[in-house]
Amino acid sequence: MKWPRFLFACALCLFSAICLLSAPAFAESGVRGRVAWRGELISQVTVRAYRQIADIAGGKALAVSVATDLDGLYQLDLKPGNYVLTASNSSGALKPGDLFCYYSGSPIQVPVNGYRNVGFNLIRVPEQQPVKEEKRSGIYGQLSYQGEPLEKAYLYVYKDPSKNFKGPGYFIQPVARGDFRLNLPPGDYYLLARKRMKGGQFGPIEIGDYFNYYFGNPVHIEAGQLHEIKIETVTRLSMLEEDVVDLQGISGQVVDAAGKPRAGLYVFAYRQAEMTGNPDFFSAPTGPDGHFEITLPDSGPYYLLARQAFGGPAGSDELYGKLQLTNGGPRAVSVSTEQEEVVIHVVPKD
């Protein structure tokens, strides 16, 4: 009786070895980069990946990195897909003195094979006053940058984080000299601060712009409660954005009717041929050569539109154009491993 069992065990080991040898190698993918606070690389910070923004407050992280080393470096292995990312030196609820960052480029797309470079510019969680009892409910506080009031900025109030804070949201409060006060009905709110050096309320955050996500989101307000809110903004640091992996998406050029490259235009990607409403994805402004790139999460198809402004209907004489077929209809583009460069022609809007 022992001999057949021995043969069975040998056969099982041989079968397992064959399966391991014949199985395809696992493709490594995820995010990696550096973490800093006011330009200083920081160790002992962990990066967390979430499926959606609403999971941050509930601590529902899908994956957590090993703590950053002395050079502020980290790596987090993730399956291909879209993730919301944060970084902190705290494993529990944030308290005054902790370091924290919500990655402003969230959701980030992890490629099928490779790592995206993601840098975190941390803030230190401030001391805040207890909730005040008032006749009206709302928030008050200050937007700042490295300890100084941030002037000519905007406070954005959102109720639904599922759209990743695209569009105008629930309310936008101009903040002239850093301090603000805003009446809000009872409810839960997500707060962000933005200041674009080019001005305006809408558009992507570029190098030199100020941004941050309030570390205490969502803010729960009850009737008669006034909450103090302090949002320290950060800027993008070039030292945290080195070694970005190759683009997975669509790239190309924006030109005018004469074929001349046009700088400073955004390219929007829509899933629907009508190309109306908020775009699903958008590029940074085109450079002097008219070049653009859009990172996309899947093969599509996508429909592309280029314009100068971000948000609202196109203005008179604004450069505007869609990627079209020869018959004038919208041209769909699918993402592939050998992606062609597309050319979008723009003309002044009637």
Protein backbone atom coordinates (compact mmCIF):
# COMPACT_ATOMS: atom_id res chain seq x y z
CA MET A 1 0.00 0.00 0.00
CA LYS A 2 2.87 2.41 0.65
CA TRP A 3 4.35 2.03 -2.83
CA PRO A 4 1.33 3.42 -4.77
CA ARG A 5 1.18 6.41 -2.39
CA PHE A 6 4.86 7.11 -3.04
CA LEU A 7 4.27 6.96 -6.80
CA PHE A 8 1.29 9.30 -6.48
CA ALA A 9 3.35 11.82 -4.47
CA CYS A 10 6.13 11.76 -7.08
CA ALA A 11 3.64 12.22 -9.90
CA LEU A 12 2.04 15.17 -8.08
CA CYS A 13 5.43 16.87 -7.57
CA LEU A 14 6.32 16.31 -11.23
CA PHE A 15 2.98 17.75 -12.38
CA SER A 16 3.43 20.83 -10.15
CA ALA A 17 6.93 21.44 -11.51
CA ILE A 18 5.68 21.20 -15.09
CA CYS A 19 2.89 23.71 -14.34
CA LEU A 20 5.36 26.15 -12.82
CA LEU A 21 7.71 25.86 -15.77
CA SER A 22 4.94 26.23 -18.34
CA ALA A 23 3.14 29.14 -16.61
CA PRO A 24 3.85 32.61 -18.03
CA ALA A 25 6.14 34.81 -15.95
CA PHE A 26 4.32 37.41 -13.82
CA ALA A 27 4.69 40.87 -15.29
CA GLU A 28 5.87 43.32 -12.65
CA SER A 29 3.86 46.52 -12.41
CA GLY A 30 2.99 49.25 -9.94
CA VAL A 31 4.16 52.69 -8.85
CA ARG A 32 7.43 53.97 -7.44
CA GLY A 33 9.16 57.27 -6.80
CA ARG A 34 10.24 59.70 -4.09
CA VAL A 35 8.57 61.35 -1.12
CA ALA A 36 9.52 64.80 0.19
CA TRP A 37 8.43 67.51 2.61
CA ARG A 38 9.29 71.07 1.55
CA GLY A 39 12.08 69.80 -0.68
CA GLU A 40 13.59 67.39 1.86
CA LEU A 41 13.43 63.67 1.05
CA ILE A 42 11.65 61.83 3.86
CA SER A 43 12.06 58.27 5.16
CA GLN A 44 9.56 56.07 7.04
CA VAL A 45 6.59 57.10 4.89
CA THR A 46 4.26 54.48 3.38
CA VAL A 47 2.26 54.82 0.16
CA ARG A 48 -1.29 53.44 0.00
CA ALA A 49 -3.39 52.55 -3.03
CA TYR A 50 -7.21 52.73 -3.01
CA ARG A 51 -9.84 51.79 -5.54
CA GLN A 52 -11.70 55.08 -5.09
CA ILE A 53 -11.46 58.37 -3.17
CA ALA A 54 -14.30 57.45 -0.81
CA ASP A 55 -12.20 54.54 0.53
CA ILE A 56 -9.48 56.82 1.96
CA ALA A 57 -11.44 57.94 5.04
CA GLY A 58 -12.52 54.36 5.74
CA GLY A 59 -8.93 53.07 5.58
CA LYS A 60 -9.84 50.60 2.81
CA ALA A 61 -6.40 50.42 1.20
CA LEU A 62 -5.86 47.75 -1.44
CA ALA A 63 -2.11 47.75 -0.93
CA VAL A 64 0.53 49.44 1.26
CA SER A 65 4.18 49.94 0.39
CA VAL A 66 7.20 49.27 2.54
CA ALA A 67 8.32 52.48 4.29
CA THR A 68 10.51 54.85 2.25
CA ASP A 69 14.27 54.54 2.70
CA LEU A 70 16.76 57.29 3.64
CA ASP A 71 16.56 58.69 0.10
CA GLY A 72 12.77 58.93 0.25
CA LEU A 73 12.37 56.10 -2.27
CA TYR A 74 9.45 53.67 -2.32
CA GLN A 75 7.96 51.00 -4.58
CA LEU A 76 4.43 49.60 -4.46
CA ASP A 77 3.56 46.56 -6.59
CA LEU A 78 0.05 46.74 -8.06
CA LYS A 79 -1.91 44.90 -10.70
CA PRO A 80 -2.64 46.91 -13.88
CA GLY A 81 -5.55 49.31 -13.35
CA ASN A 82 -6.52 52.70 -11.92
CA TYR A 83 -5.73 53.69 -8.33
CA VAL A 84 -6.06 56.61 -5.93
CA LEU A 85 -2.84 57.15 -3.96
CA THR A 86 -1.87 58.71 -0.64
CA ALA A 87 1.34 58.87 1.39
CA SER A 88 1.72 59.27 5.15
CA ASN A 89 3.99 58.46 8.09
CA SER A 90 0.91 57.42 10.09
CA SER A 91 -0.83 54.06 9.90
CA GLY A 92 -3.98 55.24 11.66
CA ALA A 93 -6.12 58.36 11.92
CA LEU A 94 -4.14 61.51 11.12
CA LYS A 95 -3.20 63.71 14.06
CA PRO A 96 -1.40 67.07 14.35
CA GLY A 97 2.25 66.74 13.32
CA ASP A 98 1.72 63.77 10.97
CA LEU A 99 2.85 64.00 7.35
CA PHE A 100 0.33 63.40 4.56
CA CYS A 101 -0.18 63.74 0.81
CA TYR A 102 -3.02 62.91 -1.56
CA TYR A 103 -1.59 62.47 -5.05
CA SER A 104 -3.16 65.22 -7.17
CA GLY A 105 -2.85 63.12 -10.33
CA SER A 106 -5.19 60.43 -8.97
CA PRO A 107 -6.50 58.18 -10.29
CA ILE A 108 -3.18 56.96 -11.65
CA GLN A 109 -3.07 54.25 -14.31
CA VAL A 110 -0.72 51.34 -13.65
CA PRO A 111 0.51 49.86 -16.97
CA VAL A 112 0.30 46.21 -17.93
CA ASN A 113 4.06 45.79 -17.60
CA GLY A 114 6.13 48.41 -15.82
CA TYR A 115 6.02 51.06 -13.12
CA ARG A 116 4.59 54.58 -13.15
CA ASN A 117 6.72 57.18 -11.40
CA VAL A 118 4.68 59.03 -8.77
CA GLY A 119 6.16 61.64 -6.41
CA PHE A 120 4.56 62.87 -3.19
CA ASN A 121 5.00 66.39 -1.79
CA LEU A 122 3.87 66.11 1.84
CA ILE A 123 2.23 68.57 4.22
CA ARG A 124 2.29 68.49 8.01
CA VAL A 125 -1.13 68.11 9.65
CA PRO A 126 -1.84 71.32 11.64
CA GLU A 127 -3.46 71.92 15.01
CA GLN A 128 -7.11 72.92 14.65
CA GLN A 129 -9.72 74.49 16.88
CA PRO A 130 -12.66 72.45 18.21
CA VAL A 131 -15.96 72.68 16.36
CA LYS A 132 -17.88 75.85 17.25
CA GLU A 133 -21.60 76.02 17.95
CA GLU A 134 -23.17 78.77 15.80
CA LYS A 135 -26.54 79.74 14.42
CA ARG A 136 -25.38 78.80 10.92
CA SER A 137 -23.39 75.78 9.87
CA GLY A 138 -20.31 75.97 7.67
CA ILE A 139 -16.53 76.25 7.57
CA TYR A 140 -13.87 78.90 8.13
CA GLY A 141 -10.10 78.89 7.98
CA GLN A 142 -7.13 79.60 5.77
CA LEU A 143 -5.39 78.48 2.57
CA SER A 144 -1.61 78.70 2.90
CA TYR A 145 1.72 77.80 1.35
CA GLN A 146 4.67 76.97 3.63
CA GLY A 147 3.22 78.93 6.52
CA GLU A 148 2.11 82.03 4.58
CA PRO A 149 -1.46 82.90 3.48
CA LEU A 150 -2.12 81.93 -0.16
CA GLU A 151 -3.68 84.83 -2.05
CA LYS A 152 -5.87 84.80 -5.16
CA ALA A 153 -6.76 81.12 -4.83
CA TYR A 154 -9.95 79.08 -4.93
CA LEU A 155 -11.57 76.75 -2.40
CA TYR A 156 -13.49 73.93 -4.14
CA VAL A 157 -16.36 72.15 -2.39
CA TYR A 158 -17.53 68.76 -3.67
CA LYS A 159 -20.18 66.38 -2.41
CA ASP A 160 -19.53 63.48 -4.78
CA PRO A 161 -15.91 62.26 -5.10
CA SER A 162 -16.74 59.57 -7.68
CA LYS A 163 -15.89 61.90 -10.60
CA ASN A 164 -12.39 62.53 -9.18
CA PHE A 165 -13.10 66.25 -8.60
CA LYS A 166 -13.57 67.07 -12.28
CA GLY A 167 -15.87 69.95 -13.11
CA PRO A 168 -17.16 72.77 -10.91
CA GLY A 169 -18.51 70.58 -8.10
CA TYR A 170 -20.94 71.85 -5.47
CA PHE A 171 -19.44 75.31 -4.91
CA ILE A 172 -16.31 77.34 -5.67
CA GLN A 173 -15.23 80.03 -3.18
CA PRO A 174 -12.70 82.67 -4.32
CA VAL A 175 -10.13 83.33 -1.57
CA ALA A 176 -8.48 86.74 -1.98
CA ARG A 177 -6.02 86.85 0.93
CA GLY A 178 -5.89 83.36 2.40
CA ASP A 179 -8.73 83.56 4.92
CA PHE A 180 -12.26 82.37 4.15
CA ARG A 181 -15.64 81.70 5.71
CA LEU A 182 -18.41 79.77 3.98
CA ASN A 183 -21.92 78.83 5.08
CA LEU A 184 -22.85 75.24 4.18
CA PRO A 185 -25.96 73.19 4.95
CA PRO A 186 -25.52 70.00 7.00
CA GLY A 187 -23.84 67.20 5.03
CA ASP A 188 -20.54 65.64 4.03
CA TYR A 189 -18.10 67.65 1.92
CA TYR A 190 -14.76 67.16 0.18
CA LEU A 191 -12.56 70.27 0.11
CA LEU A 192 -9.67 71.16 -2.21
CA ALA A 193 -7.59 74.28 -2.78
CA ARG A 194 -6.22 75.30 -6.18
CA LYS A 195 -4.34 78.28 -7.55
CA ARG A 196 -3.37 78.30 -11.22
CA MET A 197 -0.61 80.72 -12.10
CA LYS A 198 -2.37 81.35 -15.42
CA GLY A 199 -5.53 82.23 -13.49
CA GLY A 200 -9.00 80.78 -13.90
CA GLN A 201 -11.08 78.29 -11.99
CA PHE A 202 -10.74 75.30 -14.33
CA GLY A 203 -7.99 73.27 -15.94
CA PRO A 204 -5.29 70.77 -14.98
CA ILE A 205 -2.68 71.55 -12.33
CA GLU A 206 0.63 72.40 -14.00
CA ILE A 207 4.19 72.91 -12.72
CA GLY A 208 4.20 76.12 -10.68
CA ASP A 209 0.52 75.86 -9.69
CA TYR A 210 -0.65 75.37 -6.09
CA PHE A 211 -2.94 72.53 -5.02
CA ASN A 212 -4.02 70.35 -2.16
CA TYR A 213 -6.65 67.97 -0.92
CA TYR A 214 -7.85 68.60 2.64
CA PHE A 215 -6.36 65.88 4.86
CA GLY A 216 -9.62 65.68 6.90
CA ASN A 217 -11.93 64.87 3.97
CA PRO A 218 -14.79 64.31 4.05
CA VAL A 219 -15.87 67.04 6.49
CA HIS A 220 -19.10 66.10 8.26
CA ILE A 221 -21.16 69.16 9.16
CA GLU A 222 -24.23 69.11 11.37
CA ALA A 223 -26.74 71.90 11.95
CA GLY A 224 -25.23 74.77 13.94
CA GLN A 225 -21.64 73.55 13.57
CA LEU A 226 -18.77 75.72 12.34
CA HIS A 227 -15.56 73.80 11.45
CA GLU A 228 -12.07 75.27 11.22
CA ILE A 229 -10.33 74.18 8.00
CA LYS A 230 -6.63 74.73 7.31
CA ILE A 231 -5.37 73.65 3.89
CA GLU A 232 -1.65 73.94 3.23
CA THR A 233 -1.05 73.83 -0.51
CA VAL A 234 1.93 72.29 -2.30
CA THR A 235 3.49 72.59 -5.75
CA ARG A 236 4.84 69.95 -8.10
CA LEU A 237 8.54 69.22 -7.57
CA SER A 238 10.56 68.18 -10.64
CA MET A 239 12.90 66.04 -8.52
CA LEU A 240 9.93 63.81 -7.67
CA GLU A 241 8.92 63.31 -11.31
CA GLU A 242 12.01 61.71 -12.84
CA ASP A 243 12.09 58.39 -14.70
CA VAL A 244 8.45 58.37 -15.80
CA VAL A 245 7.62 55.20 -17.76
CA ASP A 246 6.59 55.25 -21.40
CA LEU A 247 3.18 56.63 -22.31
CA GLN A 248 0.23 54.23 -22.54
CA GLY A 249 -2.35 56.22 -24.39
CA ILE A 250 -2.57 58.56 -27.34
CA SER A 251 -0.09 61.17 -28.50
CA GLY A 252 0.07 63.52 -31.44
CA GLN A 253 0.15 67.13 -32.55
CA VAL A 254 -2.24 70.09 -32.70
CA VAL A 255 -1.85 72.33 -35.77
CA ASP A 256 -3.79 75.22 -37.33
CA ALA A 257 -5.29 75.39 -40.82
CA ALA A 258 -1.87 76.23 -42.28
CA GLY A 259 -0.26 73.22 -40.61
CA LYS A 260 1.59 75.34 -38.03
CA PRO A 261 1.98 73.76 -34.56
CA ARG A 262 -0.09 75.49 -31.87
CA ALA A 263 1.02 75.72 -28.26
CA GLY A 264 -1.10 76.07 -25.13
CA LEU A 265 -4.08 73.94 -26.23
CA TYR A 266 -5.66 71.10 -24.27
CA VAL A 267 -6.70 67.83 -25.88
CA PHE A 268 -9.79 66.18 -24.39
CA ALA A 269 -10.59 62.46 -24.73
CA TYR A 270 -14.24 61.35 -24.65
CA ARG A 271 -15.74 57.89 -24.72
CA GLN A 272 -18.78 59.20 -26.61
CA ALA A 273 -18.72 60.52 -30.19
CA GLU A 274 -20.85 63.54 -29.20
CA MET A 275 -17.93 64.92 -27.14
CA THR A 276 -20.14 67.00 -24.83
CA GLY A 277 -19.91 67.75 -21.11
CA ASN A 278 -16.85 67.09 -18.98
CA PRO A 279 -14.11 65.11 -20.79
CA ASP A 280 -13.22 61.68 -19.49
CA PHE A 281 -9.49 62.48 -19.78
CA PHE A 282 -7.39 65.48 -20.81
CA SER A 283 -3.82 66.38 -21.66
CA ALA A 284 -1.44 69.00 -20.33
CA PRO A 285 -1.20 72.08 -22.61
CA THR A 286 0.60 71.46 -25.89
CA GLY A 287 4.20 72.63 -26.13
CA PRO A 288 5.79 74.90 -28.76
CA ASP A 289 5.80 71.97 -31.19
CA GLY A 290 2.07 71.36 -30.65
CA HIS A 291 2.77 67.93 -29.14
CA PHE A 292 0.35 66.33 -26.67
CA GLU A 293 0.04 63.08 -24.70
CA ILE A 294 -2.95 61.58 -22.89
CA THR A 295 -2.58 58.56 -20.60
CA LEU A 296 -5.63 56.29 -20.93
CA PRO A 297 -6.74 53.27 -18.86
CA ASP A 298 -7.89 50.95 -21.67
CA SER A 299 -8.00 50.50 -25.42
CA GLY A 300 -11.08 52.67 -25.92
CA PRO A 301 -12.22 53.74 -28.46
CA TYR A 302 -11.82 57.46 -27.73
CA TYR A 303 -12.83 60.66 -29.50
CA LEU A 304 -10.50 63.66 -29.36
CA LEU A 305 -11.14 67.40 -29.22
CA ALA A 306 -8.58 70.23 -28.91
CA ARG A 307 -9.29 73.75 -27.60
CA GLN A 308 -7.62 76.64 -25.79
CA ALA A 309 -9.91 76.96 -22.75
CA PHE A 310 -10.93 74.44 -20.11
CA GLY A 311 -14.61 74.32 -19.16
CA GLY A 312 -17.75 75.87 -20.57
CA PRO A 313 -18.73 76.38 -24.20
CA ALA A 314 -16.04 77.43 -26.67
CA GLY A 315 -15.68 81.20 -26.88
CA SER A 316 -15.71 83.34 -29.99
CA ASP A 317 -12.42 83.08 -31.93
CA GLU A 318 -11.15 80.36 -29.57
CA LEU A 319 -8.97 77.81 -31.39
CA TYR A 320 -11.02 74.64 -31.51
CA GLY A 321 -11.07 71.38 -33.48
CA LYS A 322 -11.97 67.69 -33.44
CA LEU A 323 -10.14 64.67 -34.77
CA GLN A 324 -12.22 63.87 -37.84
CA LEU A 325 -12.59 61.48 -40.74
CA THR A 326 -12.22 62.73 -44.31
CA ASN A 327 -16.02 63.00 -44.55
CA GLY A 328 -16.13 65.30 -41.52
CA GLY A 329 -17.46 62.79 -39.01
CA PRO A 330 -15.74 62.11 -35.67
CA ARG A 331 -12.83 59.69 -35.87
CA ALA A 332 -12.50 57.09 -33.12
CA VAL A 333 -9.03 56.16 -31.89
CA SER A 334 -8.14 52.95 -30.07
CA VAL A 335 -5.03 52.57 -27.91
CA SER A 336 -2.58 49.91 -29.08
CA THR A 337 1.01 48.90 -28.38
CA GLU A 338 2.10 50.49 -31.69
CA GLN A 339 0.20 53.75 -31.35
CA GLU A 340 0.27 56.13 -34.29
CA GLU A 341 0.66 59.88 -33.82
CA VAL A 342 -2.60 61.68 -34.56
CA VAL A 343 -2.94 65.24 -35.86
CA ILE A 344 -5.80 67.52 -34.77
CA HIS A 345 -6.51 70.63 -36.84
CA VAL A 346 -7.90 73.70 -35.05
CA VAL A 347 -9.49 76.88 -36.36
CA PRO A 348 -11.05 79.92 -34.65
CA LYS A 349 -14.52 79.04 -33.35
CA ASP A 350 -17.36 80.80 -35.16
